[in-house]
Each structure stands twice: as structure tokens, then as C-alpha cells.
């Protein structure tokens, strides 16, 4: 799910970094819907344009994405000690 949107984001990353660094972008299928100051505003635009029946991507434009490690996020690495 969202493979196409993620691919579009990666293809556009350099231009997005130049023009929208730090903002939240909305992408639906192959279409860039805009860049917004907050995730909430981006999500609202996605709902307004796409609706709730189809998925769309909301992603912050940053140089590198931090690795997400659920065990660290949830504090589970030392849970059994």
C-alpha cells in the first residue's frame, strides 16, 4: 500500500528538499497535491481532495529518514530484565 506514492516521493525528493524542506507533502497516486506547514493541514487537504475511500501519502520532507525500530520506540529492549 502506498508503494506508488512512496516511489513518487523518492523521485521528487531533491526538488522537494529545495522547495519544501521541513514541510509535509501530500501525494495521491502519481499526483503531488501540495506542501503544508503541519501534518494536520496536509492530512486535511488529502481528505478534501481524495476523500476517505482511497489512501494518500502524507510525509515530511527531510534529508534522511530516521530508522524506526519498534523495540526502541516502545521501550521493549530491556522489558524482560
C-alpha atoms as a PDB file:
ATOM      1  CA  UNK A   1       0.000   0.000   0.000  1.00  0.00           C
ATOM      2  CA  UNK A   2       1.282   3.475  -0.929  1.00  0.00           C
ATOM      3  CA  UNK A   3       4.138   1.973  -2.964  1.00  0.00           C
ATOM      4  CA  UNK A   4       3.338   4.217  -5.927  1.00  0.00           C
ATOM      5  CA  UNK A   5       3.127   7.322  -3.726  1.00  0.00           C
ATOM      6  CA  UNK A   6       6.390   6.484  -1.966  1.00  0.00           C
ATOM      7  CA  UNK A   7       8.083   5.998  -5.327  1.00  0.00           C
ATOM      8  CA  UNK A   8       6.836   9.414  -6.486  1.00  0.00           C
ATOM      9  CA  UNK A   9       8.115  10.983  -3.253  1.00  0.00           C
ATOM     10  CA  UNK A  10      11.569   9.448  -3.711  1.00  0.00           C
ATOM     11  CA  UNK A  11      11.680  10.534  -7.344  1.00  0.00           C
ATOM     12  CA  UNK A  12      10.785  14.091  -6.309  1.00  0.00           C
ATOM     13  CA  UNK A  13      12.939  14.172  -3.141  1.00  0.00           C
ATOM     14  CA  UNK A  14      15.686  16.507  -4.440  1.00  0.00           C
ATOM     15  CA  UNK A  15      13.170  19.075  -5.724  1.00  0.00           C
ATOM     16  CA  UNK A  16      11.092  18.742  -2.567  1.00  0.00           C
ATOM     17  CA  UNK A  17      14.173  19.360  -0.415  1.00  0.00           C
ATOM     18  CA  UNK A  18      14.992  22.503  -2.407  1.00  0.00           C
ATOM     19  CA  UNK A  19      11.479  23.921  -2.321  1.00  0.00           C
ATOM     20  CA  UNK A  20       9.641  22.405   0.660  1.00  0.00           C
ATOM     21  CA  UNK A  21      12.210  21.253   3.258  1.00  0.00           C
ATOM     22  CA  UNK A  22      10.562  20.596   6.609  1.00  0.00           C
ATOM     23  CA  UNK A  23       7.033  20.777   5.222  1.00  0.00           C
ATOM     24  CA  UNK A  24       4.536  17.946   4.907  1.00  0.00           C
ATOM     25  CA  UNK A  25       3.611  16.898   1.390  1.00  0.00           C
ATOM     26  CA  UNK A  26       0.554  15.072   0.129  1.00  0.00           C
ATOM     27  CA  UNK A  27       0.817  12.629  -2.756  1.00  0.00           C
ATOM     28  CA  UNK A  28      -2.013  10.585  -4.229  1.00  0.00           C
ATOM     29  CA  UNK A  29      -1.087   8.001  -6.832  1.00  0.00           C
ATOM     30  CA  UNK A  30       1.227   9.982  -9.180  1.00  0.00           C
ATOM     31  CA  UNK A  31      -0.079  13.428  -8.222  1.00  0.00           C
ATOM     32  CA  UNK A  32       1.634  15.911  -5.881  1.00  0.00           C
ATOM     33  CA  UNK A  33      -1.210  17.680  -4.075  1.00  0.00           C
ATOM     34  CA  UNK A  34       0.804  20.260  -2.171  1.00  0.00           C
ATOM     35  CA  UNK A  35       3.107  21.097   0.725  1.00  0.00           C
ATOM     36  CA  UNK A  36       1.885  22.247   4.128  1.00  0.00           C
ATOM     37  CA  UNK A  37       3.333  23.574   7.379  1.00  0.00           C
ATOM     38  CA  UNK A  38       1.698  20.917   9.548  1.00  0.00           C
ATOM     39  CA  UNK A  39       0.803  17.255   9.168  1.00  0.00           C
ATOM     40  CA  UNK A  40      -2.759  18.123  10.175  1.00  0.00           C
ATOM     41  CA  UNK A  41      -3.125  20.627   7.325  1.00  0.00           C
ATOM     42  CA  UNK A  42      -1.632  18.134   4.867  1.00  0.00           C
ATOM     43  CA  UNK A  43      -3.995  15.404   6.034  1.00  0.00           C
ATOM     44  CA  UNK A  44      -6.952  17.769   5.789  1.00  0.00           C
ATOM     45  CA  UNK A  45      -6.054  18.592   2.184  1.00  0.00           C
ATOM     46  CA  UNK A  46      -5.733  14.893   1.382  1.00  0.00           C
ATOM     47  CA  UNK A  47      -9.198  14.238   2.790  1.00  0.00           C
ATOM     48  CA  UNK A  48     -10.609  17.250   0.934  1.00  0.00           C
ATOM     49  CA  UNK A  49      -9.151  16.229  -2.444  1.00  0.00           C
ATOM     50  CA  UNK A  50      -9.048  12.422  -2.278  1.00  0.00           C
ATOM     51  CA  UNK A  51     -11.683  11.614   0.317  1.00  0.00           C
ATOM     52  CA  UNK A  52     -11.628   8.749   2.759  1.00  0.00           C
ATOM     53  CA  UNK A  53     -12.100   5.831   0.370  1.00  0.00           C
ATOM     54  CA  UNK A  54      -8.587   5.902  -1.143  1.00  0.00           C
ATOM     55  CA  UNK A  55      -5.165   6.058   0.515  1.00  0.00           C
ATOM     56  CA  UNK A  56      -2.798   9.001   0.105  1.00  0.00           C
ATOM     57  CA  UNK A  57       0.659   9.736   1.432  1.00  0.00           C
ATOM     58  CA  UNK A  58       1.465  12.480   3.927  1.00  0.00           C
ATOM     59  CA  UNK A  59       5.200  12.695   4.521  1.00  0.00           C
ATOM     60  CA  UNK A  60       7.568  15.294   5.939  1.00  0.00           C
ATOM     61  CA  UNK A  61      10.320  16.436   3.603  1.00  0.00           C
ATOM     62  CA  UNK A  62      13.617  15.826   5.374  1.00  0.00           C
ATOM     63  CA  UNK A  63      17.066  14.957   4.079  1.00  0.00           C
ATOM     64  CA  UNK A  64      17.166  11.493   5.629  1.00  0.00           C
ATOM     65  CA  UNK A  65      14.508   9.451   7.321  1.00  0.00           C
ATOM     66  CA  UNK A  66      15.410   8.180  10.768  1.00  0.00           C
ATOM     67  CA  UNK A  67      15.294   4.440  11.199  1.00  0.00           C
ATOM     68  CA  UNK A  68      12.217   3.261  13.023  1.00  0.00           C
ATOM     69  CA  UNK A  69      12.904   0.433  15.436  1.00  0.00           C
ATOM     70  CA  UNK A  70       9.692  -0.517  17.237  1.00  0.00           C
ATOM     71  CA  UNK A  71      11.520  -2.159  20.149  1.00  0.00           C
ATOM     72  CA  UNK A  72      13.329   1.122  20.843  1.00  0.00           C
ATOM     73  CA  UNK A  73      10.246   3.269  20.299  1.00  0.00           C
ATOM     74  CA  UNK A  74       8.167   1.142  22.625  1.00  0.00           C
ATOM     75  CA  UNK A  75      10.925   0.640  25.190  1.00  0.00           C
ATOM     76  CA  UNK A  76      10.903  -3.126  24.824  1.00  0.00           C
ATOM     77  CA  UNK A  77      14.644  -3.822  24.567  1.00  0.00           C
ATOM     78  CA  UNK A  78      15.043  -4.134  28.336  1.00  0.00           C
ATOM     79  CA  UNK A  79      11.471  -5.170  29.115  1.00  0.00           C
ATOM     80  CA  UNK A  80      12.443  -8.673  30.285  1.00  0.00           C
ATOM     81  CA  UNK A  81      15.175  -7.545  32.694  1.00  0.00           C
END
